[in-house]
Amino acid sequence: MADATYFHMPLFKPGTVVQLGNKQETISYVVIRRNLLLVHLVGRDGAVDSDMLTLAPSRFILRRVV
């Protein structure tokens, strides 16, 4: 696995804590609409564009590990 290639990207899923401005919020659910990733946050009305949120990226491996 030392020579494996990895891809890093944020993983938005329910229950994940994200940063919106200087506040921490929790994701309620995620919606994809016409090339937009919209995130609904717990206790807020309406959706937030995922580009407005800060989240540490997750690491995904790009090749099969046997």
C-alpha atoms as a PDB file:
ATOM      1  CA  MET A   1       0.000   0.000   0.000  1.00  0.00           C
ATOM      2  CA  ALA A   2       3.002   2.290   0.172  1.00  0.00           C
ATOM      3  CA  ASP A   3       2.775   3.011  -3.571  1.00  0.00           C
ATOM      4  CA  ALA A   4      -1.027   3.485  -3.583  1.00  0.00           C
ATOM      5  CA  THR A   5      -2.498   6.687  -4.986  1.00  0.00           C
ATOM      6  CA  TYR A   6      -4.937   8.610  -2.817  1.00  0.00           C
ATOM      7  CA  PHE A   7      -7.596  11.217  -3.496  1.00  0.00           C
ATOM      8  CA  HIS A   8      -8.569  13.756  -0.818  1.00  0.00           C
ATOM      9  CA  MET A   9     -12.005  15.403  -0.700  1.00  0.00           C
ATOM     10  CA  PRO A  10     -14.539  16.454   1.945  1.00  0.00           C
ATOM     11  CA  LEU A  11     -17.191  13.838   2.703  1.00  0.00           C
ATOM     12  CA  PHE A  12     -20.533  15.458   3.527  1.00  0.00           C
ATOM     13  CA  LYS A  13     -22.860  13.026   5.320  1.00  0.00           C
ATOM     14  CA  PRO A  14     -25.531  13.265   8.044  1.00  0.00           C
ATOM     15  CA  GLY A  15     -24.112  13.736  11.524  1.00  0.00           C
ATOM     16  CA  THR A  16     -20.823  15.270  10.368  1.00  0.00           C
ATOM     17  CA  VAL A  17     -19.772  18.459  12.152  1.00  0.00           C
ATOM     18  CA  VAL A  18     -18.770  21.263   9.773  1.00  0.00           C
ATOM     19  CA  GLN A  19     -17.640  24.865  10.156  1.00  0.00           C
ATOM     20  CA  LEU A  20     -19.892  27.655   8.807  1.00  0.00           C
ATOM     21  CA  GLY A  21     -18.134  30.953   9.320  1.00  0.00           C
ATOM     22  CA  ASN A  22     -17.001  30.780  12.934  1.00  0.00           C
ATOM     23  CA  LYS A  23     -19.786  28.423  14.119  1.00  0.00           C
ATOM     24  CA  GLN A  24     -19.846  24.647  14.230  1.00  0.00           C
ATOM     25  CA  GLU A  25     -22.943  23.075  12.682  1.00  0.00           C
ATOM     26  CA  THR A  26     -24.135  19.484  12.188  1.00  0.00           C
ATOM     27  CA  ILE A  27     -25.287  18.127   8.834  1.00  0.00           C
ATOM     28  CA  SER A  28     -28.889  16.922   8.757  1.00  0.00           C
ATOM     29  CA  TYR A  29     -28.998  15.722   5.137  1.00  0.00           C
ATOM     30  CA  VAL A  30     -27.482  16.386   1.715  1.00  0.00           C
ATOM     31  CA  VAL A  31     -29.226  17.107  -1.608  1.00  0.00           C
ATOM     32  CA  ILE A  32     -27.798  17.220  -5.136  1.00  0.00           C
ATOM     33  CA  ARG A  33     -29.655  19.556  -7.510  1.00  0.00           C
ATOM     34  CA  ARG A  34     -28.498  20.467 -11.008  1.00  0.00           C
ATOM     35  CA  ASN A  35     -24.758  20.200 -10.351  1.00  0.00           C
ATOM     36  CA  LEU A  36     -25.072  21.770  -6.873  1.00  0.00           C
ATOM     37  CA  LEU A  37     -24.331  20.008  -3.607  1.00  0.00           C
ATOM     38  CA  LEU A  38     -26.668  21.524  -1.017  1.00  0.00           C
ATOM     39  CA  VAL A  39     -26.349  20.761   2.676  1.00  0.00           C
ATOM     40  CA  HIS A  40     -29.186  21.074   5.192  1.00  0.00           C
ATOM     41  CA  LEU A  41     -27.970  21.815   8.712  1.00  0.00           C
ATOM     42  CA  VAL A  42     -29.643  20.823  11.980  1.00  0.00           C
ATOM     43  CA  GLY A  43     -31.833  23.639  13.315  1.00  0.00           C
ATOM     44  CA  ARG A  44     -31.619  25.840  10.205  1.00  0.00           C
ATOM     45  CA  ASP A  45     -34.223  26.527   7.559  1.00  0.00           C
ATOM     46  CA  GLY A  46     -33.107  26.133   3.963  1.00  0.00           C
ATOM     47  CA  ALA A  47     -29.998  24.671   2.397  1.00  0.00           C
ATOM     48  CA  VAL A  48     -26.419  25.921   2.388  1.00  0.00           C
ATOM     49  CA  ASP A  49     -24.054  25.591  -0.574  1.00  0.00           C
ATOM     50  CA  SER A  50     -21.296  23.105   0.296  1.00  0.00           C
ATOM     51  CA  ASP A  51     -18.655  25.631  -0.844  1.00  0.00           C
ATOM     52  CA  MET A  52     -19.553  27.798   2.173  1.00  0.00           C
ATOM     53  CA  LEU A  53     -18.658  24.997   4.624  1.00  0.00           C
ATOM     54  CA  THR A  54     -15.273  23.977   5.964  1.00  0.00           C
ATOM     55  CA  LEU A  55     -14.572  20.288   6.525  1.00  0.00           C
ATOM     56  CA  ALA A  56     -11.304  18.356   6.765  1.00  0.00           C
ATOM     57  CA  PRO A  57     -10.903  16.150   3.677  1.00  0.00           C
ATOM     58  CA  SER A  58     -11.252  12.370   3.816  1.00  0.00           C
ATOM     59  CA  ARG A  59      -8.686  10.141   2.081  1.00  0.00           C
ATOM     60  CA  PHE A  60      -9.810   7.643  -0.576  1.00  0.00           C
ATOM     61  CA  ILE A  61      -7.552   5.078  -2.224  1.00  0.00           C
ATOM     62  CA  LEU A  62      -7.648   5.019  -6.041  1.00  0.00           C
ATOM     63  CA  ARG A  63      -6.611   1.446  -6.655  1.00  0.00           C
ATOM     64  CA  ARG A  64      -7.707  -1.967  -5.478  1.00  0.00           C
ATOM     65  CA  VAL A  65      -5.997  -3.239  -2.348  1.00  0.00           C
ATOM     66  CA  VAL A  66      -5.690  -7.013  -2.162  1.00  0.00           C
END
